[in-house]
Amino acid sequence: MRVGAFTLITPLPNIRRLRVFLRRGGVIAYATESCYGLGCDPTNRHAVLRILKLKGRPQSKGLILIGADIRQFARYLAPVSGELIARLHEWWPGPNTLLLPASKRCPRWLSGDHDTLAVRVTAHRETARLCRALDMALVSTSANRAGQSAIKDAGTCDKTFGDRVLTLAGRIGRRKRPSRIIEPVSGKTFRL
């Protein structure tokens, strides 16, 4: 929120406690560029499956990981060409999700039936700050049941998910639509 020349940012929750919560399979709702997202520790299969169940989303579709920096995706991605790395500034940070080759170690509960993984370096200041503080990427999928409208505020997340999700205070960005999904080598866009 802007007040005069200053931007107010929602204070982070206790990061140590939040790390433990996520490590133990907790699911959070947090503000992103266009809506509230559901997130968890991408390495925790149980937590990812809880998100899929909350959304009514099939695992085969895969999920998006959001981070503050491409290095937060390193364990999940196959090596990327130097040419592509040099072009990442065209899309990031910003509301662009890229489909990049998944590493052999990337869990199928993240990539679904795909050989790629959807990743985004966010320009949303609160989310980037959260990922930096946690020192990890987060699963990021809109906080709604599949086919329903995305949730835009913390209060609605609380009402919708109750104690199944820890809702973090925050303010969504100004973007009206979800992130674009792009296959950067071909330039094909899957979601505008």
C-alpha atoms as a PDB file:
ATOM      1  CA  MET A   1       0.000   0.000   0.000  1.00  0.00           C
ATOM      2  CA  ARG A   2       1.363   3.434  -0.898  1.00  0.00           C
ATOM      3  CA  VAL A   3       1.102   6.279   1.568  1.00  0.00           C
ATOM      4  CA  GLY A   4       2.633   9.470   0.209  1.00  0.00           C
ATOM      5  CA  ALA A   5       6.126   8.566  -0.986  1.00  0.00           C
ATOM      6  CA  PHE A   6       6.328   5.417   1.153  1.00  0.00           C
ATOM      7  CA  THR A   7       5.273   1.854   0.421  1.00  0.00           C
ATOM      8  CA  LEU A   8       3.958  -0.056   3.424  1.00  0.00           C
ATOM      9  CA  ILE A   9       4.644  -3.782   3.424  1.00  0.00           C
ATOM     10  CA  THR A  10       2.797  -6.258   5.581  1.00  0.00           C
ATOM     11  CA  PRO A  11       5.121  -7.537   8.326  1.00  0.00           C
ATOM     12  CA  LEU A  12       6.380 -11.071   7.882  1.00  0.00           C
ATOM     13  CA  PRO A  13       5.139 -13.720  10.299  1.00  0.00           C
ATOM     14  CA  ASN A  14       7.643 -15.404  12.612  1.00  0.00           C
ATOM     15  CA  ILE A  15       9.844 -17.011   9.958  1.00  0.00           C
ATOM     16  CA  ARG A  16      11.320 -19.700  12.200  1.00  0.00           C
ATOM     17  CA  ARG A  17       7.846 -20.932  13.165  1.00  0.00           C
ATOM     18  CA  LEU A  18       6.622 -20.662   9.593  1.00  0.00           C
ATOM     19  CA  ARG A  19       9.560 -22.788   8.340  1.00  0.00           C
ATOM     20  CA  VAL A  20       8.706 -25.484  10.896  1.00  0.00           C
ATOM     21  CA  PHE A  21       5.020 -25.296   9.937  1.00  0.00           C
ATOM     22  CA  LEU A  22       5.856 -25.723   6.241  1.00  0.00           C
ATOM     23  CA  ARG A  23       8.412 -28.472   6.881  1.00  0.00           C
ATOM     24  CA  ARG A  24       5.736 -30.419   8.783  1.00  0.00           C
ATOM     25  CA  GLY A  25       3.323 -30.246   5.845  1.00  0.00           C
ATOM     26  CA  GLY A  26       1.474 -27.011   6.545  1.00  0.00           C
ATOM     27  CA  VAL A  27      -0.334 -25.135   3.776  1.00  0.00           C
ATOM     28  CA  ILE A  28      -0.397 -21.342   3.608  1.00  0.00           C
ATOM     29  CA  ALA A  29      -2.474 -18.803   1.710  1.00  0.00           C
ATOM     30  CA  TYR A  30      -0.539 -15.706   0.678  1.00  0.00           C
ATOM     31  CA  ALA A  31      -0.925 -12.655  -1.557  1.00  0.00           C
ATOM     32  CA  THR A  32       0.497 -12.810  -5.090  1.00  0.00           C
ATOM     33  CA  GLU A  33       0.411 -10.601  -8.194  1.00  0.00           C
ATOM     34  CA  SER A  34      -3.296 -11.086  -8.970  1.00  0.00           C
ATOM     35  CA  CYS A  35      -4.909 -13.120  -6.186  1.00  0.00           C
ATOM     36  CA  TYR A  36      -4.270 -15.116  -3.058  1.00  0.00           C
ATOM     37  CA  GLY A  37      -2.331 -18.309  -3.652  1.00  0.00           C
ATOM     38  CA  LEU A  38      -2.093 -21.590  -1.816  1.00  0.00           C
ATOM     39  CA  GLY A  39       1.447 -22.667  -1.090  1.00  0.00           C
ATOM     40  CA  CYS A  40       3.609 -25.147   0.716  1.00  0.00           C
ATOM     41  CA  ASP A  41       7.105 -26.603   0.848  1.00  0.00           C
ATOM     42  CA  PRO A  42       7.561 -28.133  -2.639  1.00  0.00           C
ATOM     43  CA  THR A  43       9.575 -31.026  -1.168  1.00  0.00           C
ATOM     44  CA  ASN A  44       6.705 -32.117   1.081  1.00  0.00           C
ATOM     45  CA  ARG A  45       4.543 -34.534  -0.919  1.00  0.00           C
ATOM     46  CA  HIS A  46       1.879 -34.671   1.790  1.00  0.00           C
ATOM     47  CA  ALA A  47       1.452 -30.881   1.722  1.00  0.00           C
ATOM     48  CA  VAL A  48       1.286 -30.772  -2.087  1.00  0.00           C
ATOM     49  CA  LEU A  49      -1.369 -33.488  -2.089  1.00  0.00           C
ATOM     50  CA  ARG A  50      -3.353 -31.506   0.509  1.00  0.00           C
ATOM     51  CA  ILE A  51      -3.327 -28.476  -1.804  1.00  0.00           C
ATOM     52  CA  LEU A  52      -4.465 -30.594  -4.750  1.00  0.00           C
ATOM     53  CA  LYS A  53      -7.311 -31.978  -2.634  1.00  0.00           C
ATOM     54  CA  LEU A  54      -8.323 -28.492  -1.402  1.00  0.00           C
ATOM     55  CA  LYS A  55      -8.477 -27.279  -4.999  1.00  0.00           C
ATOM     56  CA  GLY A  56      -9.947 -30.408  -6.554  1.00  0.00           C
ATOM     57  CA  ARG A  57      -7.036 -30.342  -9.029  1.00  0.00           C
ATOM     58  CA  PRO A  58      -5.523 -33.462 -10.605  1.00  0.00           C
ATOM     59  CA  GLN A  59      -1.829 -34.100  -9.912  1.00  0.00           C
ATOM     60  CA  SER A  60      -1.264 -34.769 -13.619  1.00  0.00           C
ATOM     61  CA  LYS A  61      -1.565 -31.034 -14.404  1.00  0.00           C
ATOM     62  CA  GLY A  62       1.472 -30.084 -12.324  1.00  0.00           C
ATOM     63  CA  LEU A  63       1.929 -26.946 -10.228  1.00  0.00           C
ATOM     64  CA  ILE A  64       3.806 -23.655 -10.316  1.00  0.00           C
ATOM     65  CA  LEU A  65       6.743 -22.827  -8.080  1.00  0.00           C
ATOM     66  CA  ILE A  66       7.251 -19.179  -7.175  1.00  0.00           C
ATOM     67  CA  GLY A  67      10.481 -17.715  -5.881  1.00  0.00           C
ATOM     68  CA  ALA A  68      12.509 -14.582  -5.347  1.00  0.00           C
ATOM     69  CA  ASP A  69      15.382 -15.736  -7.545  1.00  0.00           C
ATOM     70  CA  ILE A  70      16.032 -18.463 -10.119  1.00  0.00           C
ATOM     71  CA  ARG A  71      18.497 -20.090  -7.704  1.00  0.00           C
ATOM     72  CA  GLN A  72      15.526 -21.118  -5.548  1.00  0.00           C
ATOM     73  CA  PHE A  73      14.457 -23.468  -8.371  1.00  0.00           C
ATOM     74  CA  ALA A  74      17.906 -25.052  -8.922  1.00  0.00           C
ATOM     75  CA  ARG A  75      17.135 -28.407  -7.288  1.00  0.00           C
ATOM     76  CA  TYR A  76      14.037 -28.864  -9.470  1.00  0.00           C
ATOM     77  CA  LEU A  77      15.362 -27.816 -12.892  1.00  0.00           C
ATOM     78  CA  ALA A  78      17.678 -29.426 -15.436  1.00  0.00           C
ATOM     79  CA  PRO A  79      20.589 -27.222 -16.516  1.00  0.00           C
ATOM     80  CA  VAL A  80      19.414 -24.280 -18.613  1.00  0.00           C
ATOM     81  CA  SER A  81      21.438 -22.974 -21.562  1.00  0.00           C
ATOM     82  CA  GLY A  82      23.494 -19.829 -21.104  1.00  0.00           C
ATOM     83  CA  GLU A  83      21.536 -18.277 -23.970  1.00  0.00           C
ATOM     84  CA  LEU A  84      18.236 -18.806 -22.146  1.00  0.00           C
ATOM     85  CA  ILE A  85      19.675 -17.584 -18.836  1.00  0.00           C
ATOM     86  CA  ALA A  86      20.748 -14.382 -20.606  1.00  0.00           C
ATOM     87  CA  ARG A  87      17.129 -13.873 -21.741  1.00  0.00           C
ATOM     88  CA  LEU A  88      15.410 -14.442 -18.365  1.00  0.00           C
ATOM     89  CA  HIS A  89      15.372 -10.696 -17.668  1.00  0.00           C
ATOM     90  CA  GLU A  90      12.778 -10.406 -20.482  1.00  0.00           C
ATOM     91  CA  TRP A  91      10.262 -12.206 -18.262  1.00  0.00           C
ATOM     92  CA  TRP A  92      11.501 -11.911 -14.675  1.00  0.00           C
ATOM     93  CA  PRO A  93      10.861 -10.637 -12.172  1.00  0.00           C
ATOM     94  CA  GLY A  94       7.275 -10.387 -13.266  1.00  0.00           C
ATOM     95  CA  PRO A  95       3.949 -12.119 -13.820  1.00  0.00           C
ATOM     96  CA  ASN A  96       5.393 -14.638 -16.287  1.00  0.00           C
ATOM     97  CA  THR A  97       5.555 -18.337 -15.498  1.00  0.00           C
ATOM     98  CA  LEU A  98       8.108 -20.197 -17.597  1.00  0.00           C
ATOM     99  CA  LEU A  99       8.017 -23.879 -18.490  1.00  0.00           C
ATOM    100  CA  LEU A 100      11.605 -25.037 -18.026  1.00  0.00           C
ATOM    101  CA  PRO A 101      13.045 -28.570 -18.252  1.00  0.00           C
ATOM    102  CA  ALA A 102      12.547 -30.428 -14.973  1.00  0.00           C
ATOM    103  CA  SER A 103      15.505 -32.254 -13.472  1.00  0.00           C
ATOM    104  CA  LYS A 104      15.366 -36.018 -13.005  1.00  0.00           C
ATOM    105  CA  ARG A 105      15.147 -35.315  -9.244  1.00  0.00           C
ATOM    106  CA  CYS A 106      12.056 -33.109  -9.622  1.00  0.00           C
ATOM    107  CA  PRO A 107       9.132 -34.882  -7.932  1.00  0.00           C
ATOM    108  CA  ARG A 108       6.207 -35.820 -10.189  1.00  0.00           C
ATOM    109  CA  TRP A 109       3.860 -34.317  -7.615  1.00  0.00           C
ATOM    110  CA  LEU A 110       5.208 -30.947  -8.848  1.00  0.00           C
ATOM    111  CA  SER A 111       5.677 -31.506 -12.586  1.00  0.00           C
ATOM    112  CA  GLY A 112       2.670 -33.757 -13.097  1.00  0.00           C
ATOM    113  CA  ASP A 113       2.717 -35.560 -16.440  1.00  0.00           C
ATOM    114  CA  HIS A 114       5.205 -33.081 -17.912  1.00  0.00           C
ATOM    115  CA  ASP A 115       8.953 -33.030 -18.548  1.00  0.00           C
ATOM    116  CA  THR A 116       8.930 -29.341 -17.653  1.00  0.00           C
ATOM    117  CA  LEU A 117       8.275 -27.459 -14.451  1.00  0.00           C
ATOM    118  CA  ALA A 118       6.352 -24.174 -14.270  1.00  0.00           C
ATOM    119  CA  VAL A 119       8.410 -21.567 -12.372  1.00  0.00           C
ATOM    120  CA  ARG A 120       8.094 -17.820 -11.746  1.00  0.00           C
ATOM    121  CA  VAL A 121      10.391 -15.244 -10.201  1.00  0.00           C
ATOM    122  CA  THR A 122       7.829 -12.902  -8.749  1.00  0.00           C
ATOM    123  CA  ALA A 123       7.824  -9.124  -8.814  1.00  0.00           C
ATOM    124  CA  HIS A 124       5.267  -9.086  -5.983  1.00  0.00           C
ATOM    125  CA  ARG A 125       7.337  -7.545  -3.190  1.00  0.00           C
ATOM    126  CA  GLU A 126       5.642  -9.329  -0.268  1.00  0.00           C
ATOM    127  CA  THR A 127       5.860 -12.750  -1.905  1.00  0.00           C
ATOM    128  CA  ALA A 128       9.478 -12.250  -2.964  1.00  0.00           C
ATOM    129  CA  ARG A 129      10.310 -11.127   0.578  1.00  0.00           C
ATOM    130  CA  LEU A 130       8.595 -14.223   1.991  1.00  0.00           C
ATOM    131  CA  CYS A 131      10.536 -16.569  -0.323  1.00  0.00           C
ATOM    132  CA  ARG A 132      13.824 -14.822   0.545  1.00  0.00           C
ATOM    133  CA  ALA A 133      13.111 -15.016   4.285  1.00  0.00           C
ATOM    134  CA  LEU A 134      12.168 -18.717   4.040  1.00  0.00           C
ATOM    135  CA  ASP A 135      15.141 -19.310   1.710  1.00  0.00           C
ATOM    136  CA  MET A 136      12.992 -21.458  -0.564  1.00  0.00           C
ATOM    137  CA  ALA A 137      10.584 -21.492  -3.471  1.00  0.00           C
ATOM    138  CA  LEU A 138       6.932 -22.112  -2.673  1.00  0.00           C
ATOM    139  CA  VAL A 139       4.199 -23.977  -4.473  1.00  0.00           C
ATOM    140  CA  SER A 140       1.916 -21.320  -5.941  1.00  0.00           C
ATOM    141  CA  THR A 141      -1.576 -22.056  -7.159  1.00  0.00           C
ATOM    142  CA  SER A 142      -4.608 -19.820  -6.936  1.00  0.00           C
ATOM    143  CA  ALA A 143      -6.568 -20.103  -3.692  1.00  0.00           C
ATOM    144  CA  ASN A 144      -9.829 -21.445  -5.047  1.00  0.00           C
ATOM    145  CA  ARG A 145     -11.460 -24.702  -6.022  1.00  0.00           C
ATOM    146  CA  ALA A 146     -10.779 -25.660  -9.645  1.00  0.00           C
ATOM    147  CA  GLY A 147     -13.113 -23.734 -11.936  1.00  0.00           C
ATOM    148  CA  GLN A 148     -14.118 -21.126  -9.343  1.00  0.00           C
ATOM    149  CA  SER A 149     -13.057 -17.486  -9.080  1.00  0.00           C
ATOM    150  CA  ALA A 150      -9.713 -16.711  -7.481  1.00  0.00           C
ATOM    151  CA  ILE A 151      -9.778 -15.320  -3.938  1.00  0.00           C
ATOM    152  CA  LYS A 152      -8.575 -11.736  -3.617  1.00  0.00           C
ATOM    153  CA  ASP A 153      -8.257 -11.196   0.160  1.00  0.00           C
ATOM    154  CA  ALA A 154      -7.182 -12.843   3.413  1.00  0.00           C
ATOM    155  CA  GLY A 155     -10.657 -12.725   4.982  1.00  0.00           C
ATOM    156  CA  THR A 156     -12.206 -14.761   2.175  1.00  0.00           C
ATOM    157  CA  CYS A 157      -9.327 -17.274   2.430  1.00  0.00           C
ATOM    158  CA  ASP A 158     -10.052 -17.653   6.149  1.00  0.00           C
ATOM    159  CA  LYS A 159     -13.755 -18.215   5.488  1.00  0.00           C
ATOM    160  CA  THR A 160     -13.116 -20.631   2.633  1.00  0.00           C
ATOM    161  CA  PHE A 161     -10.371 -22.793   4.128  1.00  0.00           C
ATOM    162  CA  GLY A 162     -10.668 -22.270   7.884  1.00  0.00           C
ATOM    163  CA  ASP A 163      -7.990 -24.031   9.920  1.00  0.00           C
ATOM    164  CA  ARG A 164      -6.919 -26.242   6.975  1.00  0.00           C
ATOM    165  CA  VAL A 165      -4.758 -23.342   5.768  1.00  0.00           C
ATOM    166  CA  LEU A 166      -2.689 -20.694   7.559  1.00  0.00           C
ATOM    167  CA  THR A 167      -3.659 -17.412   5.905  1.00  0.00           C
ATOM    168  CA  LEU A 168      -0.967 -14.733   5.892  1.00  0.00           C
ATOM    169  CA  ALA A 169      -1.975 -11.079   5.873  1.00  0.00           C
ATOM    170  CA  GLY A 170      -1.077  -9.358   2.642  1.00  0.00           C
ATOM    171  CA  ARG A 171      -2.193  -7.262  -0.271  1.00  0.00           C
ATOM    172  CA  ILE A 172      -2.475  -8.676  -3.766  1.00  0.00           C
ATOM    173  CA  GLY A 173      -0.859  -6.886  -6.676  1.00  0.00           C
ATOM    174  CA  ARG A 174      -2.694  -4.862  -9.286  1.00  0.00           C
ATOM    175  CA  ARG A 175      -2.659  -7.499 -11.979  1.00  0.00           C
ATOM    176  CA  LYS A 176      -6.168  -8.540 -13.026  1.00  0.00           C
ATOM    177  CA  ARG A 177      -5.254 -11.860 -14.646  1.00  0.00           C
ATOM    178  CA  PRO A 178      -3.133 -14.839 -13.564  1.00  0.00           C
ATOM    179  CA  SER A 179       0.466 -15.059 -14.723  1.00  0.00           C
ATOM    180  CA  ARG A 180       1.181 -15.815 -18.359  1.00  0.00           C
ATOM    181  CA  ILE A 181       2.544 -19.314 -18.935  1.00  0.00           C
ATOM    182  CA  ILE A 182       5.287 -19.327 -21.559  1.00  0.00           C
ATOM    183  CA  GLU A 183       7.516 -21.974 -23.106  1.00  0.00           C
ATOM    184  CA  PRO A 184      10.554 -19.705 -23.598  1.00  0.00           C
ATOM    185  CA  VAL A 185      12.452 -21.735 -26.212  1.00  0.00           C
ATOM    186  CA  SER A 186       9.567 -21.787 -28.709  1.00  0.00           C
ATOM    187  CA  GLY A 187       7.957 -18.597 -27.406  1.00  0.00           C
ATOM    188  CA  LYS A 188       4.585 -20.360 -27.254  1.00  0.00           C
ATOM    189  CA  THR A 189       2.168 -18.887 -24.688  1.00  0.00           C
ATOM    190  CA  PHE A 190      -0.232 -21.303 -22.976  1.00  0.00           C
ATOM    191  CA  ARG A 191      -2.079 -18.791 -20.825  1.00  0.00           C
ATOM    192  CA  LEU A 192      -2.344 -15.093 -21.595  1.00  0.00           C
END
